N, C-alpha and C. Protein backbone atom coordinates (compact mmCIF):
# COMPACT_ATOMS: atom_id res chain seq x y z
N UNK A 1 30.97 -24.25 -21.05
CA UNK A 1 29.88 -23.40 -21.33
C UNK A 1 29.42 -22.09 -19.93
N UNK A 2 29.63 -21.27 -19.99
CA UNK A 2 29.37 -20.36 -18.01
C UNK A 2 27.55 -20.44 -17.94
N UNK A 3 27.46 -21.02 -16.53
CA UNK A 3 25.94 -20.72 -16.18
C UNK A 3 25.61 -19.35 -16.65
N UNK A 4 24.11 -19.29 -17.24
CA UNK A 4 23.93 -18.00 -17.32
C UNK A 4 23.00 -17.31 -15.97
N UNK A 5 23.50 -16.33 -15.56
CA UNK A 5 22.69 -16.12 -14.07
C UNK A 5 22.50 -14.39 -14.45
N UNK A 6 23.31 -13.43 -15.10
CA UNK A 6 22.45 -12.00 -14.96
C UNK A 6 21.93 -12.05 -16.29
N UNK A 7 21.06 -11.20 -16.42
CA UNK A 7 20.19 -10.33 -17.30
C UNK A 7 20.53 -9.39 -17.60
N UNK A 8 20.47 -8.71 -18.81
CA UNK A 8 20.85 -7.49 -19.40
C UNK A 8 19.99 -7.26 -20.42
N UNK A 9 19.47 -5.75 -20.61
CA UNK A 9 18.19 -5.41 -21.00
C UNK A 9 19.16 -4.23 -21.85
N UNK A 10 19.19 -4.05 -23.25
CA UNK A 10 19.49 -2.75 -23.96
C UNK A 10 18.50 -2.57 -24.89
N UNK A 11 18.38 -1.34 -25.47
CA UNK A 11 17.73 -0.86 -26.59
C UNK A 11 18.94 -0.47 -27.94
N UNK A 12 18.51 -1.19 -28.77
CA UNK A 12 18.91 -0.95 -30.20
C UNK A 12 18.22 -0.36 -31.10
N UNK A 13 18.79 -0.20 -32.55
CA UNK A 13 18.03 0.36 -33.18
C UNK A 13 17.85 -0.40 -34.21
N UNK A 14 16.55 -0.59 -34.84
CA UNK A 14 16.27 -1.04 -35.80
C UNK A 14 17.27 -2.05 -36.75
N UNK A 15 18.28 -1.22 -37.07
CA UNK A 15 19.32 -1.47 -37.86
C UNK A 15 20.13 -2.56 -37.56
N UNK A 16 20.36 -2.34 -35.95
CA UNK A 16 21.42 -3.11 -35.57
C UNK A 16 20.26 -4.29 -34.86
N UNK A 17 19.29 -4.74 -34.67
CA UNK A 17 17.84 -5.49 -34.66
C UNK A 17 18.30 -6.50 -35.78
N UNK A 18 18.06 -5.42 -36.64
CA UNK A 18 17.93 -6.31 -38.08
C UNK A 18 19.27 -7.46 -38.46
N UNK A 19 20.88 -6.72 -38.12
CA UNK A 19 21.87 -7.50 -38.37
C UNK A 19 21.75 -8.70 -37.35
N UNK A 20 21.70 -7.85 -36.02
CA UNK A 20 21.43 -9.22 -34.70
C UNK A 20 20.93 -10.40 -35.47
N UNK A 21 19.44 -10.11 -36.07
CA UNK A 21 18.84 -11.38 -36.28
C UNK A 21 19.40 -11.86 -37.66
N UNK A 22 19.76 -11.29 -38.51
CA UNK A 22 20.42 -12.04 -39.80
C UNK A 22 21.74 -12.79 -39.14
N UNK A 23 22.30 -12.35 -38.33
CA UNK A 23 23.53 -12.80 -38.00
C UNK A 23 23.15 -14.02 -37.03
N UNK A 24 22.59 -14.03 -36.27
CA UNK A 24 21.57 -15.24 -35.38
C UNK A 24 21.14 -16.63 -36.23
N UNK A 25 20.50 -15.95 -37.34
CA UNK A 25 19.93 -16.88 -38.49
C UNK A 25 20.94 -17.46 -39.20
N UNK A 26 22.11 -16.61 -39.56
CA UNK A 26 23.28 -17.24 -40.68
C UNK A 26 23.80 -18.29 -39.62
N UNK A 27 23.97 -18.27 -38.57
CA UNK A 27 24.96 -19.03 -37.57
C UNK A 27 23.94 -20.46 -36.88
N UNK A 28 22.81 -20.01 -36.77
CA UNK A 28 22.46 -20.83 -36.36
C UNK A 28 22.00 -20.93 -34.94
N UNK A 29 22.55 -19.95 -34.37
CA UNK A 29 22.75 -19.55 -33.02
C UNK A 29 21.38 -18.65 -32.33
N UNK A 30 20.95 -18.33 -31.31
CA UNK A 30 20.08 -17.10 -30.32
C UNK A 30 20.66 -16.05 -30.48
N UNK A 31 19.83 -14.88 -30.69
CA UNK A 31 20.56 -13.38 -30.83
C UNK A 31 21.15 -13.41 -29.54
N UNK A 32 20.85 -13.78 -28.36
CA UNK A 32 21.51 -13.59 -27.37
C UNK A 32 23.18 -14.14 -27.19
N UNK A 33 22.77 -15.13 -27.90
CA UNK A 33 24.12 -15.77 -28.19
C UNK A 33 25.30 -15.18 -28.91
N UNK A 34 24.81 -14.89 -29.98
CA UNK A 34 25.42 -13.78 -31.00
C UNK A 34 26.14 -12.04 -30.01
N UNK A 35 24.74 -11.67 -29.06
CA UNK A 35 25.86 -10.67 -28.44
C UNK A 35 26.57 -10.93 -27.33
N UNK A 36 26.52 -12.15 -26.51
CA UNK A 36 27.37 -12.85 -25.86
C UNK A 36 28.65 -12.79 -26.71
N UNK A 37 28.72 -13.82 -27.69
CA UNK A 37 29.91 -14.01 -28.45
C UNK A 37 30.68 -12.56 -28.88
N UNK A 38 30.19 -11.55 -29.40
CA UNK A 38 30.58 -10.35 -29.33
C UNK A 38 31.16 -9.39 -28.56
N UNK A 39 30.58 -9.44 -27.14
CA UNK A 39 30.77 -9.17 -25.78
C UNK A 39 32.35 -9.75 -25.68
N UNK A 40 32.49 -10.94 -25.94
CA UNK A 40 33.35 -11.63 -25.57
C UNK A 40 34.90 -11.04 -26.59
N UNK A 41 34.11 -11.42 -27.74
CA UNK A 41 35.69 -10.71 -28.81
C UNK A 41 36.01 -9.23 -28.46
N UNK A 42 35.12 -8.46 -27.97
CA UNK A 42 35.48 -6.93 -28.04
C UNK A 42 35.78 -7.12 -26.86
N UNK A 43 35.45 -7.33 -25.88
CA UNK A 43 36.09 -7.32 -24.29
C UNK A 43 36.73 -8.03 -23.88
N UNK A 44 37.11 -9.20 -24.08
CA UNK A 44 38.27 -10.13 -23.75
C UNK A 44 36.78 -11.37 -23.52
N UNK A 45 37.70 -12.55 -23.21
CA UNK A 45 36.84 -13.68 -23.12
C UNK A 45 37.62 -14.82 -23.06
N UNK A 46 37.13 -16.17 -23.19
CA UNK A 46 38.05 -17.55 -23.34
C UNK A 46 38.09 -17.24 -24.87
N UNK A 47 39.62 -16.97 -25.21
CA UNK A 47 40.08 -16.86 -26.14
C UNK A 47 40.34 -18.45 -26.60
N UNK A 48 39.85 -18.44 -28.46
CA UNK A 48 40.31 -19.80 -29.70
C UNK A 48 40.75 -20.71 -29.19
N UNK A 49 42.58 -20.22 -28.59
CA UNK A 49 43.38 -20.95 -28.55
C UNK A 49 42.83 -22.09 -27.25
N UNK A 50 42.64 -21.28 -26.40
CA UNK A 50 42.23 -21.83 -24.60
C UNK A 50 41.16 -22.94 -25.24
N UNK A 51 40.19 -22.44 -25.73
CA UNK A 51 38.83 -22.96 -26.09
C UNK A 51 39.45 -24.32 -26.72
N UNK A 52 40.03 -24.32 -27.99
CA UNK A 52 40.87 -25.37 -28.57
C UNK A 52 41.46 -26.34 -27.73
N UNK A 53 42.39 -25.73 -26.63
CA UNK A 53 43.10 -26.94 -25.44
C UNK A 53 42.03 -27.51 -25.11
N UNK A 54 41.37 -26.75 -24.46
CA UNK A 54 40.40 -27.43 -23.33
C UNK A 54 39.53 -28.48 -24.21
N UNK A 55 39.44 -28.37 -25.65
CA UNK A 55 38.73 -29.84 -26.46
C UNK A 55 39.62 -30.74 -26.50
N UNK A 56 41.27 -30.20 -27.11
CA UNK A 56 42.60 -31.36 -26.38
C UNK A 56 42.43 -32.19 -25.39
N UNK A 57 41.85 -31.78 -24.41
CA UNK A 57 42.44 -32.05 -22.96
C UNK A 57 41.32 -33.14 -22.80
N UNK A 58 39.99 -32.54 -23.05
CA UNK A 58 38.94 -33.94 -23.46
C UNK A 58 39.34 -34.64 -23.79
N UNK A 59 39.56 -34.90 -25.28
CA UNK A 59 39.72 -35.70 -25.93
C UNK A 59 40.75 -36.64 -26.08
N UNK A 60 41.47 -36.33 -24.67
CA UNK A 60 42.76 -36.87 -23.75
C UNK A 60 42.20 -37.77 -22.36
N UNK A 61 40.92 -37.31 -22.12
CA UNK A 61 40.86 -38.21 -20.89
C UNK A 61 40.21 -39.48 -21.23
N UNK A 62 40.11 -39.88 -20.17
CA UNK A 62 39.89 -41.49 -20.28
C UNK A 62 38.33 -41.75 -20.26
N UNK A 63 37.80 -42.79 -21.36
CA UNK A 63 36.11 -42.66 -21.68
C UNK A 63 35.79 -43.93 -20.54
N UNK A 64 34.68 -43.26 -20.43
CA UNK A 64 33.73 -44.10 -19.44
C UNK A 64 32.65 -44.30 -19.51
N UNK A 65 32.50 -46.02 -20.07
CA UNK A 65 31.27 -46.32 -20.74
C UNK A 65 29.87 -46.68 -20.15
N UNK A 66 28.87 -46.25 -19.73
CA UNK A 66 27.89 -46.48 -19.04
C UNK A 66 27.98 -46.25 -17.49
N UNK A 67 28.64 -45.40 -16.80
CA UNK A 67 28.61 -44.96 -15.31
C UNK A 67 28.06 -44.24 -15.14
N UNK A 68 27.72 -44.55 -13.46
CA UNK A 68 26.32 -43.88 -13.44
C UNK A 68 26.17 -42.22 -13.03
N UNK A 69 25.77 -41.56 -12.72
CA UNK A 69 25.59 -39.59 -12.69
C UNK A 69 27.08 -39.51 -11.56
N UNK A 70 27.07 -40.22 -10.67
CA UNK A 70 27.93 -40.31 -9.76
C UNK A 70 28.83 -40.48 -9.79
N UNK A 71 29.25 -41.51 -11.10
CA UNK A 71 30.52 -41.92 -10.64
C UNK A 71 31.32 -40.72 -12.03
N UNK A 72 30.29 -40.61 -12.77
CA UNK A 72 30.68 -39.39 -13.86
C UNK A 72 31.19 -38.21 -12.95
N UNK A 73 30.18 -37.77 -11.99
CA UNK A 73 30.61 -36.44 -11.45
C UNK A 73 31.80 -36.85 -10.46
N UNK A 74 32.35 -37.53 -10.48
CA UNK A 74 33.69 -38.13 -9.39
C UNK A 74 34.64 -37.82 -10.10
N UNK A 75 34.34 -38.65 -11.79
CA UNK A 75 35.39 -38.15 -12.78
C UNK A 75 35.98 -36.94 -12.91
N UNK A 76 34.83 -35.94 -13.59
CA UNK A 76 34.74 -34.49 -13.72
C UNK A 76 35.54 -33.91 -12.67
N UNK A 77 35.23 -34.17 -11.63
CA UNK A 77 36.14 -33.57 -10.30
C UNK A 77 37.13 -34.04 -10.22
N UNK A 78 37.71 -35.07 -10.23
CA UNK A 78 39.05 -35.79 -10.38
C UNK A 78 40.14 -35.11 -11.20
N UNK A 79 38.94 -34.95 -12.83
CA UNK A 79 40.05 -34.56 -13.51
C UNK A 79 40.25 -32.74 -13.77
N UNK A 80 38.95 -32.21 -13.19
CA UNK A 80 39.38 -30.99 -12.92
C UNK A 80 40.45 -30.28 -12.05
N UNK A 81 40.44 -31.29 -10.91
CA UNK A 81 41.64 -30.66 -9.94
C UNK A 81 42.81 -31.19 -10.53
N UNK A 82 43.00 -31.82 -11.25
CA UNK A 82 44.21 -32.45 -11.93
C UNK A 82 44.40 -31.55 -12.83
N UNK A 83 43.55 -30.90 -13.51
CA UNK A 83 43.98 -29.74 -14.61
C UNK A 83 43.99 -28.38 -14.18
N UNK A 84 43.96 -27.91 -12.93
CA UNK A 84 43.80 -26.67 -12.07
C UNK A 84 45.01 -25.62 -12.64
N UNK A 85 45.31 -25.36 -13.00
CA UNK A 85 46.46 -24.05 -12.89
C UNK A 85 46.67 -23.31 -12.25
N UNK A 86 47.48 -23.61 -11.15
CA UNK A 86 47.01 -22.68 -9.46
C UNK A 86 47.11 -21.10 -10.36
N UNK A 87 47.86 -21.12 -10.76
CA UNK A 87 47.67 -19.07 -11.24
C UNK A 87 46.01 -18.95 -11.70
N UNK A 88 45.50 -19.72 -12.12
CA UNK A 88 44.07 -19.56 -12.42
C UNK A 88 43.30 -19.02 -11.22
N UNK A 89 43.25 -19.90 -10.38
CA UNK A 89 42.89 -19.80 -8.75
C UNK A 89 42.72 -18.39 -8.06
N UNK A 90 43.89 -17.74 -8.20
CA UNK A 90 44.00 -16.38 -7.23
C UNK A 90 44.07 -16.80 -5.99
N UNK A 91 43.22 -15.98 -4.77
CA UNK A 91 43.30 -15.62 -3.63
C UNK A 91 41.96 -16.36 -3.30
N UNK A 92 41.01 -15.94 -4.41
CA UNK A 92 39.76 -16.87 -3.47
C UNK A 92 38.83 -17.86 -4.40
N UNK A 93 40.07 -18.33 -5.59
CA UNK A 93 39.71 -19.14 -6.42
C UNK A 93 38.10 -18.69 -7.46
N UNK A 94 38.10 -17.81 -7.17
CA UNK A 94 36.69 -17.44 -8.37
C UNK A 94 37.34 -17.11 -9.79
N UNK A 95 38.66 -17.39 -10.11
CA UNK A 95 38.65 -17.08 -11.46
C UNK A 95 38.90 -18.46 -11.93
N UNK A 96 38.65 -19.55 -11.45
CA UNK A 96 38.46 -20.94 -11.81
C UNK A 96 37.72 -20.65 -12.85
N UNK A 97 38.21 -21.60 -14.12
CA UNK A 97 37.37 -21.64 -15.35
C UNK A 97 35.95 -22.98 -15.12
N UNK A 98 35.31 -22.84 -15.45
CA UNK A 98 33.80 -23.72 -15.41
C UNK A 98 34.00 -24.33 -16.63
């Protein structure tokens, strides 16, 4: 999940709003989540396959029971470093998946 930092305000017609509300209710998510999902699908985002691979990688990670927050942070950092594809880093590292 990406940290949401940017606010976007748009105007929609009543029918679009009704459809957004219905879809959000149907899926049990917020209207904002419906809009973000539509943006990702229309303009590109993290593909379904990439999300599936991420979940599979998480399932293969070692389990740690009752670890202190500092230990968990260290484990997450270690896993991220071990699983970074150098092609994702680019020149600045800004393209790294969060």
